[in-house]
Amino acid sequence: MTDYLYYWKMDEVKTYIHRNETLDYAASKQFVSKGVNLNDT
């Protein structure tokens, strides 16, 4: 397991909060290039 720090713009955070959504996913063009794998955090 590997841990990553990933920056979200405040607009993204506010959208999640406004929609009252659970954190079910995150999307990025960096996940593959940075080597993110299953079970990573």
All heavy atoms as atom14 arrays in JSON, in Angstrom:
{
  "sequence": "MTDYLYYWKMDEVKTYIHRNETLDYAASKQFVSKGVNLNDT",
  "atom14_mask": [
    [1, 1, 1, 1, 1, 1, 1, 1, 0, 0, 0, 0, 0, 0],
    [1, 1, 1, 1, 1, 1, 1, 0, 0, 0, 0, 0, 0, 0],
    [1, 1, 1, 1, 1, 1, 1, 1, 0, 0, 0, 0, 0, 0],
    [1, 1, 1, 1, 1, 1, 1, 1, 1, 1, 1, 1, 0, 0],
    [1, 1, 1, 1, 1, 1, 1, 1, 0, 0, 0, 0, 0, 0],
    [1, 1, 1, 1, 1, 1, 1, 1, 1, 1, 1, 1, 0, 0],
    [1, 1, 1, 1, 1, 1, 1, 1, 1, 1, 1, 1, 0, 0],
    [1, 1, 1, 1, 1, 1, 1, 1, 1, 1, 1, 1, 1, 1],
    [1, 1, 1, 1, 1, 1, 1, 1, 1, 0, 0, 0, 0, 0],
    [1, 1, 1, 1, 1, 1, 1, 1, 0, 0, 0, 0, 0, 0],
    [1, 1, 1, 1, 1, 1, 1, 1, 0, 0, 0, 0, 0, 0],
    [1, 1, 1, 1, 1, 1, 1, 1, 1, 0, 0, 0, 0, 0],
    [1, 1, 1, 1, 1, 1, 1, 0, 0, 0, 0, 0, 0, 0],
    [1, 1, 1, 1, 1, 1, 1, 1, 1, 0, 0, 0, 0, 0],
    [1, 1, 1, 1, 1, 1, 1, 0, 0, 0, 0, 0, 0, 0],
    [1, 1, 1, 1, 1, 1, 1, 1, 1, 1, 1, 1, 0, 0],
    [1, 1, 1, 1, 1, 1, 1, 1, 0, 0, 0, 0, 0, 0],
    [1, 1, 1, 1, 1, 1, 1, 1, 1, 1, 0, 0, 0, 0],
    [1, 1, 1, 1, 1, 1, 1, 1, 1, 1, 1, 0, 0, 0],
    [1, 1, 1, 1, 1, 1, 1, 1, 0, 0, 0, 0, 0, 0],
    [1, 1, 1, 1, 1, 1, 1, 1, 1, 0, 0, 0, 0, 0],
    [1, 1, 1, 1, 1, 1, 1, 0, 0, 0, 0, 0, 0, 0],
    [1, 1, 1, 1, 1, 1, 1, 1, 0, 0, 0, 0, 0, 0],
    [1, 1, 1, 1, 1, 1, 1, 1, 0, 0, 0, 0, 0, 0],
    [1, 1, 1, 1, 1, 1, 1, 1, 1, 1, 1, 1, 0, 0],
    [1, 1, 1, 1, 1, 0, 0, 0, 0, 0, 0, 0, 0, 0],
    [1, 1, 1, 1, 1, 0, 0, 0, 0, 0, 0, 0, 0, 0],
    [1, 1, 1, 1, 1, 1, 0, 0, 0, 0, 0, 0, 0, 0],
    [1, 1, 1, 1, 1, 1, 1, 1, 1, 0, 0, 0, 0, 0],
    [1, 1, 1, 1, 1, 1, 1, 1, 1, 0, 0, 0, 0, 0],
    [1, 1, 1, 1, 1, 1, 1, 1, 1, 1, 1, 0, 0, 0],
    [1, 1, 1, 1, 1, 1, 1, 0, 0, 0, 0, 0, 0, 0],
    [1, 1, 1, 1, 1, 1, 0, 0, 0, 0, 0, 0, 0, 0],
    [1, 1, 1, 1, 1, 1, 1, 1, 1, 0, 0, 0, 0, 0],
    [1, 1, 1, 1, 0, 0, 0, 0, 0, 0, 0, 0, 0, 0],
    [1, 1, 1, 1, 1, 1, 1, 0, 0, 0, 0, 0, 0, 0],
    [1, 1, 1, 1, 1, 1, 1, 1, 0, 0, 0, 0, 0, 0],
    [1, 1, 1, 1, 1, 1, 1, 1, 0, 0, 0, 0, 0, 0],
    [1, 1, 1, 1, 1, 1, 1, 1, 0, 0, 0, 0, 0, 0],
    [1, 1, 1, 1, 1, 1, 1, 1, 0, 0, 0, 0, 0, 0],
    [1, 1, 1, 1, 1, 1, 1, 0, 0, 0, 0, 0, 0, 0]
  ],
  "atom14_positions": [
    [[0.83, -1.19, 0.0], [0.0, 0.0, 0.0], [0.87, 1.24, 0.0], [1.82, 1.34, 0.75], [-0.89, 0.02, 1.23], [-2.11, -0.83, 1.12], [-3.35, -0.55, 2.42], [-2.43, 0.04, 3.8], [0.0, 0.0, 0.0], [0.0, 0.0, 0.0], [0.0, 0.0, 0.0], [0.0, 0.0, 0.0], [0.0, 0.0, 0.0], [0.0, 0.0, 0.0]],
    [[0.47, 2.18, -0.82], [1.18, 3.44, -0.94], [0.21, 4.56, -0.63], [-0.98, 4.46, -0.92], [1.74, 3.59, -2.38], [2.58, 2.46, -2.67], [2.55, 4.86, -2.52], [0.0, 0.0, 0.0], [0.0, 0.0, 0.0], [0.0, 0.0, 0.0], [0.0, 0.0, 0.0], [0.0, 0.0, 0.0], [0.0, 0.0, 0.0], [0.0, 0.0, 0.0]],
    [[0.72, 5.63, -0.04], [-0.09, 6.79, 0.31], [0.29, 7.97, -0.56], [1.48, 8.22, -0.78], [0.11, 7.16, 1.78], [-0.46, 6.11, 2.71], [-1.66, 6.19, 3.0], [0.3, 5.21, 3.14], [0.0, 0.0, 0.0], [0.0, 0.0, 0.0], [0.0, 0.0, 0.0], [0.0, 0.0, 0.0], [0.0, 0.0, 0.0], [0.0, 0.0, 0.0]],
    [[-0.73, 8.7, -1.01], [-0.54, 9.86, -1.87], [-1.26, 11.06, -1.3], [-2.34, 10.93, -0.72], [-1.07, 9.6, -3.28], [-0.33, 8.53, -4.02], [-0.75, 7.21, -3.95], [0.78, 8.83, -4.8], [-0.06, 6.21, -4.64], [1.46, 7.84, -5.49], [1.04, 6.54, -5.4], [1.71, 5.55, -6.08], [0.0, 0.0, 0.0], [0.0, 0.0, 0.0]],
    [[-0.69, 12.24, -1.53], [-1.34, 13.5, -1.2], [-1.8, 14.1, -2.52], [-0.99, 14.28, -3.44], [-0.32, 14.43, -0.52], [-0.83, 15.48, 0.45], [-1.57, 14.83, 1.61], [0.34, 16.29, 0.99], [0.0, 0.0, 0.0], [0.0, 0.0, 0.0], [0.0, 0.0, 0.0], [0.0, 0.0, 0.0], [0.0, 0.0, 0.0], [0.0, 0.0, 0.0]],
    [[-3.1, 14.36, -2.61], [-3.68, 14.86, -3.85], [-4.47, 16.13, -3.57], [-5.35, 16.14, -2.73], [-4.58, 13.77, -4.47], [-5.21, 14.15, -5.78], [-4.44, 14.6, -6.84], [-6.57, 14.03, -5.96], [-5.02, 14.93, -8.06], [-7.17, 14.36, -7.17], [-6.38, 14.81, -8.21], [-6.96, 15.14, -9.41], [0.0, 0.0, 0.0], [0.0, 0.0, 0.0]],
    [[-4.13, 17.18, -4.29], [-4.73, 18.5, -4.07], [-6.02, 18.66, -4.87], [-6.04, 18.42, -6.08], [-3.74, 19.61, -4.47], [-4.23, 20.98, -4.14], [-4.03, 21.51, -2.87], [-4.89, 21.75, -5.08], [-4.48, 22.77, -2.55], [-5.35, 23.02, -4.76], [-5.14, 23.52, -3.5], [-5.59, 24.78, -3.18], [0.0, 0.0, 0.0], [0.0, 0.0, 0.0]],
    [[-7.08, 19.06, -4.18], [-8.34, 19.43, -4.83], [-8.52, 20.92, -4.68], [-8.27, 21.48, -3.61], [-9.52, 18.75, -4.13], [-9.96, 17.46, -4.69], [-9.39, 16.76, -5.7], [-11.09, 16.71, -4.27], [-10.1, 15.6, -5.92], [-11.14, 15.56, -5.06], [-12.06, 16.89, -3.3], [-12.12, 14.59, -4.91], [-13.04, 15.93, -3.15], [-13.08, 14.79, -3.95]],
    [[-8.99, 21.56, -5.73], [-9.33, 22.98, -5.63], [-10.53, 23.11, -4.69], [-11.37, 22.23, -4.6], [-9.66, 23.54, -7.0], [-8.47, 23.57, -7.94], [-8.86, 24.12, -9.28], [-7.66, 24.1, -10.2], [-8.01, 24.49, -11.57], [0.0, 0.0, 0.0], [0.0, 0.0, 0.0], [0.0, 0.0, 0.0], [0.0, 0.0, 0.0], [0.0, 0.0, 0.0]],
    [[-10.6, 24.24, -4.03], [-11.69, 24.48, -3.08], [-13.06, 24.35, -3.76], [-14.02, 23.9, -3.14], [-11.54, 25.85, -2.41], [-12.59, 26.14, -1.36], [-12.76, 24.9, -0.04], [-11.46, 25.4, 1.05], [0.0, 0.0, 0.0], [0.0, 0.0, 0.0], [0.0, 0.0, 0.0], [0.0, 0.0, 0.0], [0.0, 0.0, 0.0], [0.0, 0.0, 0.0]],
    [[-13.16, 24.71, -5.04], [-14.44, 24.57, -5.76], [-14.92, 23.12, -5.76], [-16.11, 22.87, -5.62], [-14.3, 25.06, -7.2], [-14.13, 26.56, -7.3], [-14.36, 27.25, -6.29], [-13.77, 27.04, -8.39], [0.0, 0.0, 0.0], [0.0, 0.0, 0.0], [0.0, 0.0, 0.0], [0.0, 0.0, 0.0], [0.0, 0.0, 0.0], [0.0, 0.0, 0.0]],
    [[-13.99, 22.17, -5.93], [-14.36, 20.75, -5.92], [-14.88, 20.35, -4.55], [-15.87, 19.64, -4.42], [-13.16, 19.89, -6.29], [-12.68, 20.08, -7.71], [-11.39, 19.34, -7.98], [-11.4, 18.09, -7.93], [-10.37, 20.01, -8.23], [0.0, 0.0, 0.0], [0.0, 0.0, 0.0], [0.0, 0.0, 0.0], [0.0, 0.0, 0.0], [0.0, 0.0, 0.0]],
    [[-14.19, 20.82, -3.51], [-14.59, 20.5, -2.14], [-15.98, 21.06, -1.86], [-16.86, 20.37, -1.34], [-13.56, 21.06, -1.13], [-14.04, 20.88, 0.3], [-12.21, 20.4, -1.34], [0.0, 0.0, 0.0], [0.0, 0.0, 0.0], [0.0, 0.0, 0.0], [0.0, 0.0, 0.0], [0.0, 0.0, 0.0], [0.0, 0.0, 0.0], [0.0, 0.0, 0.0]],
    [[-16.19, 22.32, -2.24], [-17.49, 22.95, -2.01], [-18.61, 22.23, -2.77], [-19.73, 22.12, -2.26], [-17.44, 24.42, -2.41], [-16.66, 25.26, -1.42], [-16.62, 26.72, -1.85], [-15.86, 27.57, -0.85], [-15.77, 28.97, -1.26], [0.0, 0.0, 0.0], [0.0, 0.0, 0.0], [0.0, 0.0, 0.0], [0.0, 0.0, 0.0], [0.0, 0.0, 0.0]],
    [[-18.31, 21.74, -3.97], [-19.32, 21.0, -4.74], [-19.74, 19.74, -3.99], [-20.92, 19.45, -3.87], [-18.78, 20.64, -6.14], [-18.51, 21.85, -6.85], [-19.78, 19.82, -6.93], [0.0, 0.0, 0.0], [0.0, 0.0, 0.0], [0.0, 0.0, 0.0], [0.0, 0.0, 0.0], [0.0, 0.0, 0.0], [0.0, 0.0, 0.0], [0.0, 0.0, 0.0]],
    [[-18.78, 18.98, -3.49], [-19.09, 17.78, -2.71], [-19.93, 18.13, -1.48], [-20.92, 17.47, -1.18], [-17.82, 17.06, -2.26], [-17.4, 15.92, -3.14], [-16.53, 16.11, -4.19], [-17.88, 14.64, -2.91], [-16.13, 15.06, -5.0], [-17.49, 13.58, -3.71], [-16.62, 13.8, -4.75], [-16.23, 12.75, -5.54], [0.0, 0.0, 0.0], [0.0, 0.0, 0.0]],
    [[-19.52, 19.17, -0.77], [-20.24, 19.56, 0.44], [-21.65, 20.02, 0.09], [-22.62, 19.63, 0.74], [-19.45, 20.64, 1.22], [-18.16, 20.04, 1.78], [-20.3, 21.25, 2.33], [-17.19, 21.06, 2.37], [0.0, 0.0, 0.0], [0.0, 0.0, 0.0], [0.0, 0.0, 0.0], [0.0, 0.0, 0.0], [0.0, 0.0, 0.0], [0.0, 0.0, 0.0]],
    [[-21.77, 20.86, -0.94], [-23.08, 21.37, -1.35], [-24.03, 20.25, -1.76], [-25.21, 20.26, -1.42], [-22.92, 22.37, -2.5], [-24.21, 22.9, -3.03], [-24.97, 23.82, -2.33], [-24.89, 22.62, -4.17], [-26.06, 24.08, -3.04], [-26.03, 23.38, -4.14], [0.0, 0.0, 0.0], [0.0, 0.0, 0.0], [0.0, 0.0, 0.0], [0.0, 0.0, 0.0]],
    [[-23.52, 19.25, -2.45], [-24.34, 18.12, -2.89], [-24.58, 17.11, -1.78], [-25.34, 16.17, -1.94], [-23.68, 17.41, -4.07], [-23.63, 18.21, -5.34], [-22.96, 17.39, -6.42], [-22.83, 18.12, -7.66], [-22.18, 17.67, -8.73], [-21.59, 16.47, -8.68], [-22.1, 18.38, -9.81], [0.0, 0.0, 0.0], [0.0, 0.0, 0.0], [0.0, 0.0, 0.0]],
    [[-23.88, 17.29, -0.64], [-23.97, 16.37, 0.49], [-23.64, 14.93, 0.06], [-24.26, 13.98, 0.51], [-25.35, 16.44, 1.14], [-25.35, 15.87, 2.54], [-24.34, 15.91, 3.24], [-26.47, 15.32, 2.96], [0.0, 0.0, 0.0], [0.0, 0.0, 0.0], [0.0, 0.0, 0.0], [0.0, 0.0, 0.0], [0.0, 0.0, 0.0], [0.0, 0.0, 0.0]],
    [[-22.66, 14.81, -0.82], [-22.26, 13.5, -1.34], [-21.23, 12.84, -0.44], [-20.44, 13.5, 0.22], [-21.65, 13.64, -2.74], [-22.62, 14.05, -3.8], [-21.98, 14.12, -5.18], [-20.78, 13.77, -5.32], [-22.66, 14.53, -6.12], [0.0, 0.0, 0.0], [0.0, 0.0, 0.0], [0.0, 0.0, 0.0], [0.0, 0.0, 0.0], [0.0, 0.0, 0.0]],
    [[-21.23, 11.52, -0.48], [-20.15, 10.79, 0.17], [-18.97, 10.75, -0.8], [-19.13, 10.89, -2.02], [-20.59, 9.35, 0.54], [-21.1, 8.71, -0.62], [-21.64, 9.37, 1.64], [0.0, 0.0, 0.0], [0.0, 0.0, 0.0], [0.0, 0.0, 0.0], [0.0, 0.0, 0.0], [0.0, 0.0, 0.0], [0.0, 0.0, 0.0], [0.0, 0.0, 0.0]],
    [[-17.8, 10.55, -0.26], [-16.58, 10.5, -1.06], [-16.46, 9.11, -1.68], [-15.81, 8.23, -1.13], [-15.35, 10.83, -0.21], [-14.02, 10.81, -0.92], [-13.99, 11.79, -2.09], [-12.9, 11.13, 0.06], [0.0, 0.0, 0.0], [0.0, 0.0, 0.0], [0.0, 0.0, 0.0], [0.0, 0.0, 0.0], [0.0, 0.0, 0.0], [0.0, 0.0, 0.0]],
    [[-17.12, 8.91, -2.8], [-17.15, 7.61, -3.45], [-16.09, 7.45, -4.53], [-15.78, 6.33, -4.93], [-18.53, 7.37, -4.07], [-19.62, 7.3, -3.03], [-19.32, 7.02, -1.86], [-20.79, 7.52, -3.38], [0.0, 0.0, 0.0], [0.0, 0.0, 0.0], [0.0, 0.0, 0.0], [0.0, 0.0, 0.0], [0.0, 0.0, 0.0], [0.0, 0.0, 0.0]],
    [[-15.54, 8.57, -4.99], [-14.55, 8.5, -6.06], [-13.73, 9.78, -6.1], [-14.11, 10.79, -5.51], [-15.23, 8.3, -7.42], [-15.95, 9.54, -7.9], [-15.32, 10.43, -8.78], [-17.23, 9.86, -7.47], [-15.97, 11.58, -9.2], [-17.88, 11.0, -7.88], [-17.24, 11.86, -8.76], [-17.87, 13.01, -9.17], [0.0, 0.0, 0.0], [0.0, 0.0, 0.0]],
    [[-12.64, 9.72, -6.79], [-11.85, 10.9, -7.16], [-11.38, 10.63, -8.59], [-11.22, 9.48, -8.99], [-10.67, 11.1, -6.23], [0.0, 0.0, 0.0], [0.0, 0.0, 0.0], [0.0, 0.0, 0.0], [0.0, 0.0, 0.0], [0.0, 0.0, 0.0], [0.0, 0.0, 0.0], [0.0, 0.0, 0.0], [0.0, 0.0, 0.0], [0.0, 0.0, 0.0]],
    [[-11.18, 11.69, -9.34], [-10.77, 11.55, -10.73], [-9.54, 12.4, -11.0], [-9.42, 13.5, -10.46], [-11.91, 11.97, -11.66], [0.0, 0.0, 0.0], [0.0, 0.0, 0.0], [0.0, 0.0, 0.0], [0.0, 0.0, 0.0], [0.0, 0.0, 0.0], [0.0, 0.0, 0.0], [0.0, 0.0, 0.0], [0.0, 0.0, 0.0], [0.0, 0.0, 0.0]],
    [[-8.64, 11.87, -11.81], [-7.43, 12.62, -12.14], [-6.74, 12.02, -13.35], [-6.81, 10.82, -13.59], [-6.45, 12.58, -10.97], [-5.24, 13.24, -11.29], [0.0, 0.0, 0.0], [0.0, 0.0, 0.0], [0.0, 0.0, 0.0], [0.0, 0.0, 0.0], [0.0, 0.0, 0.0], [0.0, 0.0, 0.0], [0.0, 0.0, 0.0], [0.0, 0.0, 0.0]],
    [[-6.04, 12.87, -14.06], [-5.18, 12.38, -15.14], [-3.83, 11.91, -14.58], [-3.04, 11.31, -15.28], [-4.98, 13.46, -16.2], [-4.34, 14.72, -15.7], [-4.26, 15.76, -16.78], [-3.7, 17.06, -16.21], [-3.72, 18.14, -17.15], [0.0, 0.0, 0.0], [0.0, 0.0, 0.0], [0.0, 0.0, 0.0], [0.0, 0.0, 0.0], [0.0, 0.0, 0.0]],
    [[-3.6, 12.15, -13.27], [-2.32, 11.8, -12.67], [-2.26, 10.4, -12.06], [-1.18, 9.89, -11.8], [-1.98, 12.8, -11.56], [-1.74, 14.21, -12.05], [-1.32, 15.11, -10.91], [-0.35, 14.83, -10.21], [-2.05, 16.19, -10.71], [0.0, 0.0, 0.0], [0.0, 0.0, 0.0], [0.0, 0.0, 0.0], [0.0, 0.0, 0.0], [0.0, 0.0, 0.0]],
    [[-3.39, 9.77, -11.82], [-3.39, 8.49, -11.11], [-2.52, 7.44, -11.81], [-1.75, 6.74, -11.16], [-4.8, 7.95, -10.91], [-5.66, 8.77, -9.97], [-7.03, 8.66, -10.0], [-5.09, 9.65, -9.06], [-7.83, 9.4, -9.13], [-5.88, 10.4, -8.19], [-7.25, 10.27, -8.23], [0.0, 0.0, 0.0], [0.0, 0.0, 0.0], [0.0, 0.0, 0.0]],
    [[-2.63, 7.34, -13.11], [-1.85, 6.34, -13.85], [-0.37, 6.73, -13.88], [0.5, 5.92, -13.57], [-2.4, 6.15, -15.28], [-1.49, 5.25, -16.1], [-3.81, 5.57, -15.23], [0.0, 0.0, 0.0], [0.0, 0.0, 0.0], [0.0, 0.0, 0.0], [0.0, 0.0, 0.0], [0.0, 0.0, 0.0], [0.0, 0.0, 0.0], [0.0, 0.0, 0.0]],
    [[-0.09, 7.99, -14.23], [1.31, 8.42, -14.35], [2.06, 8.38, -13.02], [3.28, 8.19, -13.0], [1.39, 9.82, -14.95], [0.82, 10.78, -14.08], [0.0, 0.0, 0.0], [0.0, 0.0, 0.0], [0.0, 0.0, 0.0], [0.0, 0.0, 0.0], [0.0, 0.0, 0.0], [0.0, 0.0, 0.0], [0.0, 0.0, 0.0], [0.0, 0.0, 0.0]],
    [[1.36, 8.52, -11.91], [2.01, 8.48, -10.59], [2.08, 7.07, -10.01], [2.66, 6.86, -8.96], [1.29, 9.41, -9.6], [1.37, 10.88, -9.99], [2.79, 11.38, -9.96], [2.85, 12.86, -10.29], [4.19, 13.41, -10.21], [0.0, 0.0, 0.0], [0.0, 0.0, 0.0], [0.0, 0.0, 0.0], [0.0, 0.0, 0.0], [0.0, 0.0, 0.0]],
    [[1.45, 6.1, -10.69], [1.56, 4.71, -10.25], [0.57, 4.27, -9.2], [0.84, 3.33, -8.46], [0.0, 0.0, 0.0], [0.0, 0.0, 0.0], [0.0, 0.0, 0.0], [0.0, 0.0, 0.0], [0.0, 0.0, 0.0], [0.0, 0.0, 0.0], [0.0, 0.0, 0.0], [0.0, 0.0, 0.0], [0.0, 0.0, 0.0], [0.0, 0.0, 0.0]],
    [[-0.57, 4.95, -9.1], [-1.58, 4.56, -8.12], [-2.09, 3.16, -8.45], [-2.36, 2.83, -9.61], [-2.75, 5.58, -8.1], [-3.87, 5.1, -7.18], [-2.25, 6.95, -7.67], [0.0, 0.0, 0.0], [0.0, 0.0, 0.0], [0.0, 0.0, 0.0], [0.0, 0.0, 0.0], [0.0, 0.0, 0.0], [0.0, 0.0, 0.0], [0.0, 0.0, 0.0]],
    [[-2.23, 2.32, -7.41], [-2.7, 0.94, -7.56], [-3.86, 0.66, -6.62], [-4.15, 1.46, -5.72], [-1.56, -0.04, -7.25], [-0.49, -0.02, -8.31], [-0.76, -0.29, -9.48], [0.72, 0.33, -7.91], [0.0, 0.0, 0.0], [0.0, 0.0, 0.0], [0.0, 0.0, 0.0], [0.0, 0.0, 0.0], [0.0, 0.0, 0.0], [0.0, 0.0, 0.0]],
    [[-4.45, -0.51, -6.77], [-5.51, -0.94, -5.87], [-4.97, -1.0, -4.44], [-3.79, -1.33, -4.23], [-6.04, -2.31, -6.28], [-6.61, -2.41, -7.69], [-7.17, -3.81, -7.94], [-7.67, -1.36, -7.95], [0.0, 0.0, 0.0], [0.0, 0.0, 0.0], [0.0, 0.0, 0.0], [0.0, 0.0, 0.0], [0.0, 0.0, 0.0], [0.0, 0.0, 0.0]],
    [[-5.8, -0.65, -3.49], [-5.49, -0.61, -2.06], [-4.59, 0.54, -1.63], [-4.27, 0.65, -0.45], [-4.92, -1.94, -1.56], [-5.91, -3.06, -1.76], [-7.09, -2.91, -1.45], [-5.45, -4.18, -2.3], [0.0, 0.0, 0.0], [0.0, 0.0, 0.0], [0.0, 0.0, 0.0], [0.0, 0.0, 0.0], [0.0, 0.0, 0.0], [0.0, 0.0, 0.0]],
    [[-4.16, 1.39, -2.56], [-3.42, 2.59, -2.18], [-4.39, 3.58, -1.54], [-5.61, 3.5, -1.75], [-2.77, 3.24, -3.4], [-1.56, 2.47, -3.91], [-1.09, 1.55, -3.21], [-1.1, 2.79, -5.02], [0.0, 0.0, 0.0], [0.0, 0.0, 0.0], [0.0, 0.0, 0.0], [0.0, 0.0, 0.0], [0.0, 0.0, 0.0], [0.0, 0.0, 0.0]],
    [[-3.85, 4.51, -0.78], [-4.67, 5.53, -0.14], [-4.36, 6.88, -0.75], [-3.19, 7.25, -0.89], [-4.42, 5.58, 1.38], [-4.74, 4.29, 1.93], [-5.28, 6.63, 2.06], [0.0, 0.0, 0.0], [0.0, 0.0, 0.0], [0.0, 0.0, 0.0], [0.0, 0.0, 0.0], [0.0, 0.0, 0.0], [0.0, 0.0, 0.0], [0.0, 0.0, 0.0]]
  ]
}
